[in-house]
């Protein structure tokens, strides 16, 4: 999964001219976190359509649609 994501990211960076054509390497950052009991969370089991909609809406910074609900 990480290698697939990296290939996609490299292709996108070449298209946007962020990196030069022919670059065959990249970096993946990973993070660990501890869930807070006071934080509302939803864990997606798969990167499916619901996950994609949630990611897209968060990037737009409009009303948040996740797990079948809309949040302001």
C-alpha atoms as a PDB file:
ATOM      1  CA  UNK A   1       0.000   0.000   0.000  1.00  0.00           C
ATOM      2  CA  UNK A   2       2.760   2.463   0.897  1.00  0.00           C
ATOM      3  CA  UNK A   3       4.681   1.723  -2.298  1.00  0.00           C
ATOM      4  CA  UNK A   4       1.538   2.276  -4.379  1.00  0.00           C
ATOM      5  CA  UNK A   5       0.879   5.574  -2.588  1.00  0.00           C
ATOM      6  CA  UNK A   6       4.484   6.630  -3.141  1.00  0.00           C
ATOM      7  CA  UNK A   7       4.349   5.850  -6.880  1.00  0.00           C
ATOM      8  CA  UNK A   8       1.151   7.895  -7.187  1.00  0.00           C
ATOM      9  CA  UNK A   9       2.674  10.789  -5.229  1.00  0.00           C
ATOM     10  CA  UNK A  10       5.818  10.786  -7.398  1.00  0.00           C
ATOM     11  CA  UNK A  11       3.712  10.777 -10.586  1.00  0.00           C
ATOM     12  CA  UNK A  12       1.645  13.697  -9.281  1.00  0.00           C
ATOM     13  CA  UNK A  13       4.791  15.636  -8.284  1.00  0.00           C
ATOM     14  CA  UNK A  14       6.256  15.122 -11.768  1.00  0.00           C
ATOM     15  CA  UNK A  15       2.994  16.316 -13.364  1.00  0.00           C
ATOM     16  CA  UNK A  16       2.956  19.476 -11.223  1.00  0.00           C
ATOM     17  CA  UNK A  17       6.698  19.959 -11.840  1.00  0.00           C
ATOM     18  CA  UNK A  18       7.443  19.760  -8.119  1.00  0.00           C
ATOM     19  CA  UNK A  19      10.173  17.216  -8.918  1.00  0.00           C
ATOM     20  CA  UNK A  20      12.064  16.414 -12.101  1.00  0.00           C
ATOM     21  CA  UNK A  21      11.036  13.728 -14.578  1.00  0.00           C
ATOM     22  CA  UNK A  22      12.771  10.421 -13.872  1.00  0.00           C
ATOM     23  CA  UNK A  23      12.996  10.708 -10.085  1.00  0.00           C
ATOM     24  CA  UNK A  24      12.407   7.228  -8.683  1.00  0.00           C
ATOM     25  CA  UNK A  25      12.505   7.839  -4.930  1.00  0.00           C
ATOM     26  CA  UNK A  26      10.430   9.597  -2.304  1.00  0.00           C
ATOM     27  CA  UNK A  27       9.708   9.657   1.403  1.00  0.00           C
ATOM     28  CA  UNK A  28       6.738   8.535   3.445  1.00  0.00           C
ATOM     29  CA  UNK A  29       6.178  10.106   6.854  1.00  0.00           C
ATOM     30  CA  UNK A  30       4.412   8.083   9.514  1.00  0.00           C
ATOM     31  CA  UNK A  31       3.002   9.253  12.815  1.00  0.00           C
ATOM     32  CA  UNK A  32       1.799   7.677  16.025  1.00  0.00           C
ATOM     33  CA  UNK A  33      -0.817   9.239  18.247  1.00  0.00           C
ATOM     34  CA  UNK A  34      -2.788   8.486  21.357  1.00  0.00           C
ATOM     35  CA  UNK A  35      -6.551   8.966  21.137  1.00  0.00           C
ATOM     36  CA  UNK A  36      -8.021  11.390  23.646  1.00  0.00           C
ATOM     37  CA  UNK A  37     -11.256  10.405  25.368  1.00  0.00           C
ATOM     38  CA  UNK A  38     -12.519  13.979  24.797  1.00  0.00           C
ATOM     39  CA  UNK A  39     -12.007  13.853  21.030  1.00  0.00           C
ATOM     40  CA  UNK A  40     -14.777  12.609  18.734  1.00  0.00           C
ATOM     41  CA  UNK A  41     -13.240  10.133  16.295  1.00  0.00           C
ATOM     42  CA  UNK A  42     -14.226   7.686  13.604  1.00  0.00           C
ATOM     43  CA  UNK A  43     -11.852   4.979  12.441  1.00  0.00           C
ATOM     44  CA  UNK A  44     -12.314   3.797   8.864  1.00  0.00           C
ATOM     45  CA  UNK A  45     -11.516   0.126   8.403  1.00  0.00           C
ATOM     46  CA  UNK A  46     -10.901   0.594   4.659  1.00  0.00           C
ATOM     47  CA  UNK A  47     -10.050   3.382   2.251  1.00  0.00           C
ATOM     48  CA  UNK A  48     -13.490   3.163   0.633  1.00  0.00           C
ATOM     49  CA  UNK A  49     -15.972   5.697  -0.784  1.00  0.00           C
ATOM     50  CA  UNK A  50     -17.008   6.955   2.669  1.00  0.00           C
ATOM     51  CA  UNK A  51     -13.344   7.484   3.596  1.00  0.00           C
ATOM     52  CA  UNK A  52     -12.713   9.315   0.314  1.00  0.00           C
ATOM     53  CA  UNK A  53     -15.691  11.641   0.839  1.00  0.00           C
ATOM     54  CA  UNK A  54     -14.514  12.413   4.360  1.00  0.00           C
ATOM     55  CA  UNK A  55     -10.978  13.244   3.169  1.00  0.00           C
ATOM     56  CA  UNK A  56     -12.245  15.412   0.291  1.00  0.00           C
ATOM     57  CA  UNK A  57     -14.585  17.450   2.484  1.00  0.00           C
ATOM     58  CA  UNK A  58     -11.941  18.011   5.167  1.00  0.00           C
ATOM     59  CA  UNK A  59      -9.560  19.322   2.504  1.00  0.00           C
ATOM     60  CA  UNK A  60     -12.223  21.774   1.269  1.00  0.00           C
ATOM     61  CA  UNK A  61     -12.672  23.114   4.830  1.00  0.00           C
ATOM     62  CA  UNK A  62     -16.420  23.406   4.416  1.00  0.00           C
ATOM     63  CA  UNK A  63     -19.031  21.478   6.326  1.00  0.00           C
ATOM     64  CA  UNK A  64     -17.683  18.114   7.353  1.00  0.00           C
ATOM     65  CA  UNK A  65     -19.354  14.952   6.081  1.00  0.00           C
ATOM     66  CA  UNK A  66     -18.169  11.789   7.738  1.00  0.00           C
ATOM     67  CA  UNK A  67     -19.735   8.470   8.626  1.00  0.00           C
ATOM     68  CA  UNK A  68     -23.111   9.454   7.181  1.00  0.00           C
ATOM     69  CA  UNK A  69     -23.400  12.739   9.110  1.00  0.00           C
ATOM     70  CA  UNK A  70     -22.778  16.409   8.380  1.00  0.00           C
ATOM     71  CA  UNK A  71     -20.888  18.466  10.922  1.00  0.00           C
ATOM     72  CA  UNK A  72     -20.306  22.229  10.977  1.00  0.00           C
END
